[in-house]
Amino acid sequence: FLCLPGAYGSADKFQVQLAPLVNELLSDGSATFRFVDAPCEAV
């Protein structure tokens, strides 16, 4: 899966937010994940 955070977020923050589901799907090898930052810096 390619993982896209919300506005004013980041790859690292989204990885923390999604960690429970990521761990659930990693537990049986169902999925792997690539988190990316959005390309525009924001305020």
PDB file of all heavy atoms in Angstrom:
ATOM      1  N   PHE A   1       0.828  -1.201   0.000  1.00  0.00           N
ATOM      2  CA  PHE A   1       0.000   0.000   0.000  1.00  0.00           C
ATOM      3  C   PHE A   1       0.866   1.256   0.000  1.00  0.00           C
ATOM      4  O   PHE A   1       1.843   1.351   0.753  1.00  0.00           O
ATOM      5  CB  PHE A   1      -0.896   0.039   1.234  1.00  0.00           C
ATOM      6  CG  PHE A   1      -2.099  -0.859   1.160  1.00  0.00           C
ATOM      7  CD1 PHE A   1      -2.037  -2.157   1.649  1.00  0.00           C
ATOM      8  CD2 PHE A   1      -3.292  -0.406   0.619  1.00  0.00           C
ATOM      9  CE1 PHE A   1      -3.141  -2.992   1.597  1.00  0.00           C
ATOM     10  CE2 PHE A   1      -4.403  -1.230   0.555  1.00  0.00           C
ATOM     11  CZ  PHE A   1      -4.331  -2.529   1.042  1.00  0.00           C
ATOM     12  N   LEU A   2       0.470   2.238  -0.806  1.00  0.00           N
ATOM     13  CA  LEU A   2       1.026   3.582  -0.762  1.00  0.00           C
ATOM     14  C   LEU A   2       0.122   4.417   0.143  1.00  0.00           C
ATOM     15  O   LEU A   2      -1.099   4.430  -0.043  1.00  0.00           O
ATOM     16  CB  LEU A   2       1.067   4.172  -2.168  1.00  0.00           C
ATOM     17  CG  LEU A   2       1.688   5.556  -2.350  1.00  0.00           C
ATOM     18  CD1 LEU A   2       3.155   5.556  -1.930  1.00  0.00           C
ATOM     19  CD2 LEU A   2       1.543   6.018  -3.797  1.00  0.00           C
ATOM     20  N   CYS A   3       0.702   5.109   1.133  1.00  0.00           N
ATOM     21  CA  CYS A   3      -0.071   5.748   2.203  1.00  0.00           C
ATOM     22  C   CYS A   3       0.104   7.262   2.170  1.00  0.00           C
ATOM     23  O   CYS A   3       1.233   7.764   2.277  1.00  0.00           O
ATOM     24  CB  CYS A   3       0.345   5.202   3.560  1.00  0.00           C
ATOM     25  SG  CYS A   3       0.196   3.399   3.686  1.00  0.00           S
ATOM     26  N   LEU A   4      -1.013   7.987   2.056  1.00  0.00           N
ATOM     27  CA  LEU A   4      -0.999   9.434   1.875  1.00  0.00           C
ATOM     28  C   LEU A   4      -1.619  10.119   3.095  1.00  0.00           C
ATOM     29  O   LEU A   4      -2.792   9.905   3.398  1.00  0.00           O
ATOM     30  CB  LEU A   4      -1.791   9.827   0.625  1.00  0.00           C
ATOM     31  CG  LEU A   4      -1.504   9.037  -0.667  1.00  0.00           C
ATOM     32  CD1 LEU A   4      -2.292   9.644  -1.823  1.00  0.00           C
ATOM     33  CD2 LEU A   4      -0.023   8.990  -0.978  1.00  0.00           C
ATOM     34  N   PRO A   5      -0.877  10.985   3.777  1.00  0.00           N
ATOM     35  CA  PRO A   5      -1.389  11.669   4.974  1.00  0.00           C
ATOM     36  C   PRO A   5      -2.378  12.779   4.619  1.00  0.00           C
ATOM     37  O   PRO A   5      -2.509  13.193   3.463  1.00  0.00           O
ATOM     38  CB  PRO A   5      -0.132  12.250   5.615  1.00  0.00           C
ATOM     39  CG  PRO A   5       0.804  12.461   4.459  1.00  0.00           C
ATOM     40  CD  PRO A   5       0.522  11.349   3.488  1.00  0.00           C
ATOM     41  N   GLY A   6      -3.038  13.289   5.663  1.00  0.00           N
ATOM     42  CA  GLY A   6      -3.938  14.412   5.487  1.00  0.00           C
ATOM     43  C   GLY A   6      -3.186  15.726   5.385  1.00  0.00           C
ATOM     44  O   GLY A   6      -1.973  15.804   5.599  1.00  0.00           O
ATOM     45  N   ALA A   7      -3.928  16.794   5.051  1.00  0.00           N
ATOM     46  CA  ALA A   7      -3.333  18.125   4.955  1.00  0.00           C
ATOM     47  C   ALA A   7      -2.719  18.531   6.285  1.00  0.00           C
ATOM     48  O   ALA A   7      -3.283  18.264   7.354  1.00  0.00           O
ATOM     49  CB  ALA A   7      -4.397  19.140   4.538  1.00  0.00           C
ATOM     50  N   TYR A   8      -1.564  19.161   6.223  1.00  0.00           N
ATOM     51  CA  TYR A   8      -0.793  19.626   7.374  1.00  0.00           C
ATOM     52  C   TYR A   8      -0.239  18.468   8.206  1.00  0.00           C
ATOM     53  O   TYR A   8       0.208  18.667   9.324  1.00  0.00           O
ATOM     54  CB  TYR A   8      -1.636  20.566   8.253  1.00  0.00           C
ATOM     55  CG  TYR A   8      -2.312  21.651   7.454  1.00  0.00           C
ATOM     56  CD1 TYR A   8      -3.696  21.698   7.331  1.00  0.00           C
ATOM     57  CD2 TYR A   8      -1.556  22.592   6.776  1.00  0.00           C
ATOM     58  CE1 TYR A   8      -4.314  22.674   6.562  1.00  0.00           C
ATOM     59  CE2 TYR A   8      -2.171  23.573   6.006  1.00  0.00           C
ATOM     60  CZ  TYR A   8      -3.552  23.601   5.908  1.00  0.00           C
ATOM     61  OH  TYR A   8      -4.157  24.565   5.138  1.00  0.00           O
ATOM     62  N   GLY A   9      -0.248  17.286   7.635  1.00  0.00           N
ATOM     63  CA  GLY A   9       0.363  16.131   8.276  1.00  0.00           C
ATOM     64  C   GLY A   9       1.707  15.825   7.635  1.00  0.00           C
ATOM     65  O   GLY A   9       2.294  16.635   6.922  1.00  0.00           O
ATOM     66  N   SER A  10       2.194  14.617   7.892  1.00  0.00           N
ATOM     67  CA  SER A  10       3.466  14.157   7.317  1.00  0.00           C
ATOM     68  C   SER A  10       3.447  12.642   7.305  1.00  0.00           C
ATOM     69  O   SER A  10       2.583  12.002   7.920  1.00  0.00           O
ATOM     70  CB  SER A  10       4.650  14.658   8.153  1.00  0.00           C
ATOM     71  OG  SER A  10       4.632  14.055   9.444  1.00  0.00           O
ATOM     72  N   ALA A  11       4.422  12.059   6.612  1.00  0.00           N
ATOM     73  CA  ALA A  11       4.527  10.605   6.577  1.00  0.00           C
ATOM     74  C   ALA A  11       4.713  10.051   7.986  1.00  0.00           C
ATOM     75  O   ALA A  11       4.079   9.048   8.366  1.00  0.00           O
ATOM     76  CB  ALA A  11       5.695  10.198   5.677  1.00  0.00           C
ATOM     77  N   ASP A  12       5.575  10.678   8.784  1.00  0.00           N
ATOM     78  CA  ASP A  12       5.843  10.179  10.141  1.00  0.00           C
ATOM     79  C   ASP A  12       4.599  10.248  11.019  1.00  0.00           C
ATOM     80  O   ASP A  12       4.286   9.302  11.763  1.00  0.00           O
ATOM     81  CB  ASP A  12       6.967  10.990  10.790  1.00  0.00           C
ATOM     82  CG  ASP A  12       8.323  10.692  10.166  1.00  0.00           C
ATOM     83  OD1 ASP A  12       8.445   9.664   9.466  1.00  0.00           O
ATOM     84  OD2 ASP A  12       9.259  11.489  10.379  1.00  0.00           O
ATOM     85  N   LYS A  13       3.869  11.359  10.949  1.00  0.00           N
ATOM     86  CA  LYS A  13       2.656  11.494  11.762  1.00  0.00           C
ATOM     87  C   LYS A  13       1.596  10.475  11.336  1.00  0.00           C
ATOM     88  O   LYS A  13       0.924   9.873  12.178  1.00  0.00           O
ATOM     89  CB  LYS A  13       2.091  12.908  11.643  1.00  0.00           C
ATOM     90  CG  LYS A  13       2.932  13.973  12.313  1.00  0.00           C
ATOM     91  CD  LYS A  13       2.368  15.360  12.026  1.00  0.00           C
ATOM     92  CE  LYS A  13       3.287  16.455  12.527  1.00  0.00           C
ATOM     93  NZ  LYS A  13       2.823  17.802  12.101  1.00  0.00           N
ATOM     94  N   PHE A  14       1.449  10.286  10.030  1.00  0.00           N
ATOM     95  CA  PHE A  14       0.441   9.345   9.549  1.00  0.00           C
ATOM     96  C   PHE A  14       0.791   7.922   9.945  1.00  0.00           C
ATOM     97  O   PHE A  14      -0.081   7.115  10.263  1.00  0.00           O
ATOM     98  CB  PHE A  14       0.288   9.470   8.031  1.00  0.00           C
ATOM     99  CG  PHE A  14      -0.904   8.746   7.464  1.00  0.00           C
ATOM    100  CD1 PHE A  14      -2.070   8.601   8.194  1.00  0.00           C
ATOM    101  CD2 PHE A  14      -0.851   8.212   6.187  1.00  0.00           C
ATOM    102  CE1 PHE A  14      -3.170   7.936   7.666  1.00  0.00           C
ATOM    103  CE2 PHE A  14      -1.944   7.543   5.648  1.00  0.00           C
ATOM    104  CZ  PHE A  14      -3.107   7.399   6.386  1.00  0.00           C
ATOM    105  N   GLN A  15       2.077   7.615   9.965  1.00  0.00           N
ATOM    106  CA  GLN A  15       2.494   6.277  10.375  1.00  0.00           C
ATOM    107  C   GLN A  15       2.112   6.021  11.833  1.00  0.00           C
ATOM    108  O   GLN A  15       1.690   4.916  12.185  1.00  0.00           O
ATOM    109  CB  GLN A  15       4.000   6.120  10.176  1.00  0.00           C
ATOM    110  CG  GLN A  15       4.468   4.678  10.287  1.00  0.00           C
ATOM    111  CD  GLN A  15       5.841   4.457   9.673  1.00  0.00           C
ATOM    112  OE1 GLN A  15       6.430   5.366   9.111  1.00  0.00           O
ATOM    113  NE2 GLN A  15       6.341   3.250   9.769  1.00  0.00           N
ATOM    114  N   VAL A  16       2.233   7.037  12.672  1.00  0.00           N
ATOM    115  CA  VAL A  16       1.806   6.912  14.070  1.00  0.00           C
ATOM    116  C   VAL A  16       0.293   6.763  14.149  1.00  0.00           C
ATOM    117  O   VAL A  16      -0.238   5.918  14.883  1.00  0.00           O
ATOM    118  CB  VAL A  16       2.276   8.137  14.879  1.00  0.00           C
ATOM    119  CG1 VAL A  16       1.666   8.122  16.282  1.00  0.00           C
ATOM    120  CG2 VAL A  16       3.797   8.163  14.969  1.00  0.00           C
ATOM    121  N   GLN A  17      -0.429   7.598  13.405  1.00  0.00           N
ATOM    122  CA  GLN A  17      -1.893   7.557  13.434  1.00  0.00           C
ATOM    123  C   GLN A  17      -2.436   6.209  12.970  1.00  0.00           C
ATOM    124  O   GLN A  17      -3.427   5.703  13.504  1.00  0.00           O
ATOM    125  CB  GLN A  17      -2.461   8.665  12.544  1.00  0.00           C
ATOM    126  CG  GLN A  17      -2.230  10.073  13.048  1.00  0.00           C
ATOM    127  CD  GLN A  17      -2.606  11.115  12.004  1.00  0.00           C
ATOM    128  OE1 GLN A  17      -2.226  11.022  10.835  1.00  0.00           O
ATOM    129  NE2 GLN A  17      -3.366  12.107  12.418  1.00  0.00           N
ATOM    130  N   LEU A  18      -1.801   5.638  11.977  1.00  0.00           N
ATOM    131  CA  LEU A  18      -2.308   4.404  11.368  1.00  0.00           C
ATOM    132  C   LEU A  18      -1.695   3.146  11.985  1.00  0.00           C
ATOM    133  O   LEU A  18      -2.033   2.032  11.595  1.00  0.00           O
ATOM    134  CB  LEU A  18      -2.022   4.428   9.861  1.00  0.00           C
ATOM    135  CG  LEU A  18      -2.891   3.558   8.956  1.00  0.00           C
ATOM    136  CD1 LEU A  18      -4.348   3.970   9.024  1.00  0.00           C
ATOM    137  CD2 LEU A  18      -2.399   3.606   7.511  1.00  0.00           C
ATOM    138  N   ALA A  19      -0.821   3.327  12.977  1.00  0.00           N
ATOM    139  CA  ALA A  19      -0.051   2.205  13.531  1.00  0.00           C
ATOM    140  C   ALA A  19      -0.909   1.024  13.971  1.00  0.00           C
ATOM    141  O   ALA A  19      -0.547  -0.135  13.704  1.00  0.00           O
ATOM    142  CB  ALA A  19       0.832   2.694  14.678  1.00  0.00           C
ATOM    143  N   PRO A  20      -2.033   1.214  14.666  1.00  0.00           N
ATOM    144  CA  PRO A  20      -2.818   0.037  15.070  1.00  0.00           C
ATOM    145  C   PRO A  20      -3.266  -0.825  13.887  1.00  0.00           C
ATOM    146  O   PRO A  20      -3.166  -2.056  13.942  1.00  0.00           O
ATOM    147  CB  PRO A  20      -4.013   0.650  15.806  1.00  0.00           C
ATOM    148  CG  PRO A  20      -3.498   1.950  16.336  1.00  0.00           C
ATOM    149  CD  PRO A  20      -2.591   2.457  15.254  1.00  0.00           C
ATOM    150  N   LEU A  21      -3.723  -0.192  12.826  1.00  0.00           N
ATOM    151  CA  LEU A  21      -4.142  -0.964  11.652  1.00  0.00           C
ATOM    152  C   LEU A  21      -2.942  -1.567  10.933  1.00  0.00           C
ATOM    153  O   LEU A  21      -2.994  -2.726  10.489  1.00  0.00           O
ATOM    154  CB  LEU A  21      -4.938  -0.079  10.692  1.00  0.00           C
ATOM    155  CG  LEU A  21      -5.424  -0.779   9.420  1.00  0.00           C
ATOM    156  CD1 LEU A  21      -6.382  -1.917   9.754  1.00  0.00           C
ATOM    157  CD2 LEU A  21      -6.098   0.224   8.477  1.00  0.00           C
ATOM    158  N   VAL A  22      -1.866  -0.814  10.818  1.00  0.00           N
ATOM    159  CA  VAL A  22      -0.649  -1.343  10.198  1.00  0.00           C
ATOM    160  C   VAL A  22      -0.184  -2.593  10.927  1.00  0.00           C
ATOM    161  O   VAL A  22       0.116  -3.620  10.309  1.00  0.00           O
ATOM    162  CB  VAL A  22       0.465  -0.269  10.188  1.00  0.00           C
ATOM    163  CG1 VAL A  22       1.820  -0.889   9.851  1.00  0.00           C
ATOM    164  CG2 VAL A  22       0.132   0.837   9.192  1.00  0.00           C
ATOM    165  N   ASN A  23      -0.136  -2.526  12.257  1.00  0.00           N
ATOM    166  CA  ASN A  23       0.319  -3.677  13.043  1.00  0.00           C
ATOM    167  C   ASN A  23      -0.619  -4.870  12.874  1.00  0.00           C
ATOM    168  O   ASN A  23      -0.165  -6.027  12.824  1.00  0.00           O
ATOM    169  CB  ASN A  23       0.432  -3.294  14.514  1.00  0.00           C
ATOM    170  CG  ASN A  23       1.561  -2.314  14.764  1.00  0.00           C
ATOM    171  OD1 ASN A  23       2.523  -2.248  13.995  1.00  0.00           O
ATOM    172  ND2 ASN A  23       1.465  -1.535  15.829  1.00  0.00           N
ATOM    173  N   GLU A  24      -1.902  -4.597  12.779  1.00  0.00           N
ATOM    174  CA  GLU A  24      -2.883  -5.675  12.580  1.00  0.00           C
ATOM    175  C   GLU A  24      -2.636  -6.389  11.251  1.00  0.00           C
ATOM    176  O   GLU A  24      -2.649  -7.627  11.181  1.00  0.00           O
ATOM    177  CB  GLU A  24      -4.304  -5.102  12.626  1.00  0.00           C
ATOM    178  CG  GLU A  24      -5.404  -6.047  12.185  1.00  0.00           C
ATOM    179  CD  GLU A  24      -5.595  -7.252  13.098  1.00  0.00           C
ATOM    180  OE1 GLU A  24      -5.210  -7.171  14.286  1.00  0.00           O
ATOM    181  OE2 GLU A  24      -6.128  -8.275  12.626  1.00  0.00           O
ATOM    182  N   LEU A  25      -2.388  -5.623  10.201  1.00  0.00           N
ATOM    183  CA  LEU A  25      -2.209  -6.229   8.877  1.00  0.00           C
ATOM    184  C   LEU A  25      -0.803  -6.790   8.674  1.00  0.00           C
ATOM    185  O   LEU A  25      -0.606  -7.683   7.843  1.00  0.00           O
ATOM    186  CB  LEU A  25      -2.549  -5.210   7.789  1.00  0.00           C
ATOM    187  CG  LEU A  25      -4.017  -4.765   7.753  1.00  0.00           C
ATOM    188  CD1 LEU A  25      -4.229  -3.652   6.741  1.00  0.00           C
ATOM    189  CD2 LEU A  25      -4.940  -5.946   7.445  1.00  0.00           C
ATOM    190  N   LEU A  26       0.159  -6.280   9.439  1.00  0.00           N
ATOM    191  CA  LEU A  26       1.505  -6.863   9.400  1.00  0.00           C
ATOM    192  C   LEU A  26       1.567  -8.179  10.161  1.00  0.00           C
ATOM    193  O   LEU A  26       2.431  -9.028   9.887  1.00  0.00           O
ATOM    194  CB  LEU A  26       2.522  -5.889  10.003  1.00  0.00           C
ATOM    195  CG  LEU A  26       2.913  -4.649   9.190  1.00  0.00           C
ATOM    196  CD1 LEU A  26       3.839  -3.759  10.009  1.00  0.00           C
ATOM    197  CD2 LEU A  26       3.593  -5.047   7.878  1.00  0.00           C
ATOM    198  N   SER A  27       0.673  -8.357  11.118  1.00  0.00           N
ATOM    199  CA  SER A  27       0.753  -9.514  12.027  1.00  0.00           C
ATOM    200  C   SER A  27       0.650 -10.841  11.295  1.00  0.00           C
ATOM    201  O   SER A  27       1.190 -11.849  11.757  1.00  0.00           O
ATOM    202  CB  SER A  27      -0.338  -9.419  13.098  1.00  0.00           C
ATOM    203  OG  SER A  27      -1.635  -9.567  12.522  1.00  0.00           O
ATOM    204  N   ASP A  28      -0.046 -10.864  10.167  1.00  0.00           N
ATOM    205  CA  ASP A  28      -0.154 -12.108   9.398  1.00  0.00           C
ATOM    206  C   ASP A  28       0.403 -11.963   7.989  1.00  0.00           C
ATOM    207  O   ASP A  28       0.143 -12.792   7.114  1.00  0.00           O
ATOM    208  CB  ASP A  28      -1.605 -12.586   9.347  1.00  0.00           C
ATOM    209  CG  ASP A  28      -2.525 -11.601   8.624  1.00  0.00           C
ATOM    210  OD1 ASP A  28      -2.057 -10.506   8.271  1.00  0.00           O
ATOM    211  OD2 ASP A  28      -3.708 -11.938   8.419  1.00  0.00           O
ATOM    212  N   GLY A  29       1.152 -10.883   7.773  1.00  0.00           N
ATOM    213  CA  GLY A  29       1.766 -10.667   6.466  1.00  0.00           C
ATOM    214  C   GLY A  29       0.798 -10.272   5.375  1.00  0.00           C
ATOM    215  O   GLY A  29       1.116 -10.396   4.188  1.00  0.00           O
ATOM    216  N   SER A  30      -0.366  -9.746   5.768  1.00  0.00           N
ATOM    217  CA  SER A  30      -1.368  -9.371   4.767  1.00  0.00           C
ATOM    218  C   SER A  30      -0.913  -8.232   3.878  1.00  0.00           C
ATOM    219  O   SER A  30      -1.266  -8.173   2.700  1.00  0.00           O
ATOM    220  CB  SER A  30      -2.688  -8.965   5.455  1.00  0.00           C
ATOM    221  OG  SER A  30      -3.270 -10.047   6.124  1.00  0.00           O
ATOM    222  N   ALA A  31      -0.141  -7.298   4.463  1.00  0.00           N
ATOM    223  CA  ALA A  31       0.182  -6.082   3.717  1.00  0.00           C
ATOM    224  C   ALA A  31       1.497  -5.488   4.172  1.00  0.00           C
ATOM    225  O   ALA A  31       1.978  -5.753   5.279  1.00  0.00           O
ATOM    226  CB  ALA A  31      -0.948  -5.051   3.903  1.00  0.00           C
ATOM    227  N   THR A  32       2.074  -4.670   3.290  1.00  0.00           N
ATOM    228  CA  THR A  32       3.208  -3.812   3.633  1.00  0.00           C
ATOM    229  C   THR A  32       2.825  -2.383   3.263  1.00  0.00           C
ATOM    230  O   THR A  32       1.879  -2.161   2.486  1.00  0.00           O
ATOM    231  CB  THR A  32       4.489  -4.232   2.893  1.00  0.00           C
ATOM    232  OG1 THR A  32       4.263  -4.155   1.479  1.00  0.00           O
ATOM    233  CG2 THR A  32       4.903  -5.645   3.282  1.00  0.00           C
ATOM    234  N   PHE A  33       3.578  -1.406   3.790  1.00  0.00           N
ATOM    235  CA  PHE A  33       3.157  -0.025   3.693  1.00  0.00           C
ATOM    236  C   PHE A  33       4.327   0.893   3.371  1.00  0.00           C
ATOM    237  O   PHE A  33       5.411   0.733   3.925  1.00  0.00           O
ATOM    238  CB  PHE A  33       2.510   0.423   5.004  1.00  0.00           C
ATOM    239  CG  PHE A  33       1.356  -0.444   5.430  1.00  0.00           C
ATOM    240  CD1 PHE A  33       1.584  -1.592   6.185  1.00  0.00           C
ATOM    241  CD2 PHE A  33       0.065  -0.132   5.045  1.00  0.00           C
ATOM    242  CE1 PHE A  33       0.526  -2.408   6.561  1.00  0.00           C
ATOM    243  CE2 PHE A  33      -0.997  -0.943   5.421  1.00  0.00           C
ATOM    244  CZ  PHE A  33      -0.761  -2.082   6.172  1.00  0.00           C
ATOM    245  N   ARG A  34       4.062   1.869   2.492  1.00  0.00           N
ATOM    246  CA  ARG A  34       5.045   2.916   2.189  1.00  0.00           C
ATOM    247  C   ARG A  34       4.367   4.264   2.433  1.00  0.00           C
ATOM    248  O   ARG A  34       3.427   4.644   1.736  1.00  0.00           O
ATOM    249  CB  ARG A  34       5.501   2.796   0.731  1.00  0.00           C
ATOM    250  CG  ARG A  34       6.335   3.983   0.225  1.00  0.00           C
ATOM    251  CD  ARG A  34       7.724   4.034   0.841  1.00  0.00           C
ATOM    252  NE  ARG A  34       8.595   4.943   0.092  1.00  0.00           N
ATOM    253  CZ  ARG A  34       8.817   6.213   0.420  1.00  0.00           C
ATOM    254  NH1 ARG A  34       8.233   6.732   1.501  1.00  0.00           N
ATOM    255  NH2 ARG A  34       9.627   6.954  -0.318  1.00  0.00           N
ATOM    256  N   PHE A  35       4.845   4.988   3.445  1.00  0.00           N
ATOM    257  CA  PHE A  35       4.302   6.289   3.799  1.00  0.00           C
ATOM    258  C   PHE A  35       5.114   7.376   3.107  1.00  0.00           C
ATOM    259  O   PHE A  35       6.346   7.333   3.119  1.00  0.00           O
ATOM    260  CB  PHE A  35       4.343   6.494   5.314  1.00  0.00           C
ATOM    261  CG  PHE A  35       3.377   5.617   6.069  1.00  0.00           C
ATOM    262  CD1 PHE A  35       3.697   4.296   6.375  1.00  0.00           C
ATOM    263  CD2 PHE A  35       2.152   6.111   6.475  1.00  0.00           C
ATOM    264  CE1 PHE A  35       2.810   3.488   7.065  1.00  0.00           C
ATOM    265  CE2 PHE A  35       1.256   5.317   7.167  1.00  0.00           C
ATOM    266  CZ  PHE A  35       1.585   3.992   7.467  1.00  0.00           C
ATOM    267  N   VAL A  36       4.420   8.359   2.542  1.00  0.00           N
ATOM    268  CA  VAL A  36       5.118   9.450   1.845  1.00  0.00           C
ATOM    269  C   VAL A  36       4.608  10.799   2.350  1.00  0.00           C
ATOM    270  O   VAL A  36       3.454  10.940   2.740  1.00  0.00           O
ATOM    271  CB  VAL A  36       4.922   9.371   0.314  1.00  0.00           C
ATOM    272  CG1 VAL A  36       5.524   8.094  -0.233  1.00  0.00           C
ATOM    273  CG2 VAL A  36       3.464   9.504  -0.081  1.00  0.00           C
ATOM    274  N   ASP A  37       5.507  11.789   2.358  1.00  0.00           N
ATOM    275  CA  ASP A  37       5.097  13.166   2.621  1.00  0.00           C
ATOM    276  C   ASP A  37       4.412  13.730   1.382  1.00  0.00           C
ATOM    277  O   ASP A  37       4.695  13.330   0.257  1.00  0.00           O
ATOM    278  CB  ASP A  37       6.320  14.038   2.929  1.00  0.00           C
ATOM    279  CG  ASP A  37       6.912  13.769   4.306  1.00  0.00           C
ATOM    280  OD1 ASP A  37       6.136  13.564   5.259  1.00  0.00           O
ATOM    281  OD2 ASP A  37       8.161  13.764   4.418  1.00  0.00           O
ATOM    282  N   ALA A  38       3.518  14.684   1.600  1.00  0.00           N
ATOM    283  CA  ALA A  38       2.989  15.458   0.482  1.00  0.00           C
ATOM    284  C   ALA A  38       4.080  16.404  -0.023  1.00  0.00           C
ATOM    285  O   ALA A  38       4.990  16.780   0.727  1.00  0.00           O
ATOM    286  CB  ALA A  38       1.752  16.233   0.922  1.00  0.00           C
ATOM    287  N   PRO A  39       4.019  16.826  -1.281  1.00  0.00           N
ATOM    288  CA  PRO A  39       5.127  17.593  -1.861  1.00  0.00           C
ATOM    289  C   PRO A  39       5.125  19.097  -1.555  1.00  0.00           C
ATOM    290  O   PRO A  39       6.122  19.762  -1.832  1.00  0.00           O
ATOM    291  CB  PRO A  39       4.949  17.364  -3.368  1.00  0.00           C
ATOM    292  CG  PRO A  39       3.507  17.063  -3.549  1.00  0.00           C
ATOM    293  CD  PRO A  39       3.068  16.363  -2.304  1.00  0.00           C
ATOM    294  N   CYS A  40       4.039  19.648  -0.990  1.00  0.00           N
ATOM    295  CA  CYS A  40       3.965  21.093  -0.748  1.00  0.00           C
ATOM    296  C   CYS A  40       4.134  21.400   0.739  1.00  0.00           C
ATOM    297  O   CYS A  40       3.389  20.857   1.569  1.00  0.00           O
ATOM    298  CB  CYS A  40       2.620  21.652  -1.207  1.00  0.00           C
ATOM    299  SG  CYS A  40       2.178  21.301  -2.918  1.00  0.00           S
ATOM    300  N   GLU A  41       5.085  22.254   1.082  1.00  0.00           N
ATOM    301  CA  GLU A  41       5.176  22.714   2.463  1.00  0.00           C
ATOM    302  C   GLU A  41       3.996  23.629   2.759  1.00  0.00           C
ATOM    303  O   GLU A  41       3.503  24.342   1.875  1.00  0.00           O
ATOM    304  CB  GLU A  41       6.497  23.440   2.694  1.00  0.00           C
ATOM    305  CG  GLU A  41       7.707  22.530   2.591  1.00  0.00           C
ATOM    306  CD  GLU A  41       8.994  23.220   2.997  1.00  0.00           C
ATOM    307  OE1 GLU A  41       8.923  24.377   3.469  1.00  0.00           O
ATOM    308  OE2 GLU A  41      10.067  22.612   2.841  1.00  0.00           O
ATOM    309  N   ALA A  42       3.510  23.617   4.011  1.00  0.00           N
ATOM    310  CA  ALA A  42       2.259  24.306   4.316  1.00  0.00           C
ATOM    311  C   ALA A  42       2.288  24.934   5.705  1.00  0.00           C
ATOM    312  O   ALA A  42       3.132  24.589   6.540  1.00  0.00           O
ATOM    313  CB  ALA A  42       1.095  23.321   4.209  1.00  0.00           C
ATOM    314  N   VAL A  43       1.341  25.828   5.937  1.00  0.00           N
ATOM    315  CA  VAL A  43       1.125  26.453   7.246  1.00  0.00           C
ATOM    316  C   VAL A  43      -0.333  26.241   7.605  1.00  0.00           C
ATOM    317  O   VAL A  43      -1.221  26.572   6.811  1.00  0.00           O
ATOM    318  CB  VAL A  43       1.443  27.967   7.207  1.00  0.00           C
ATOM    319  CG1 VAL A  43       1.153  28.596   8.565  1.00  0.00           C
ATOM    320  CG2 VAL A  43       2.891  28.201   6.800  1.00  0.00           C
TER     321      VAL A  43
END
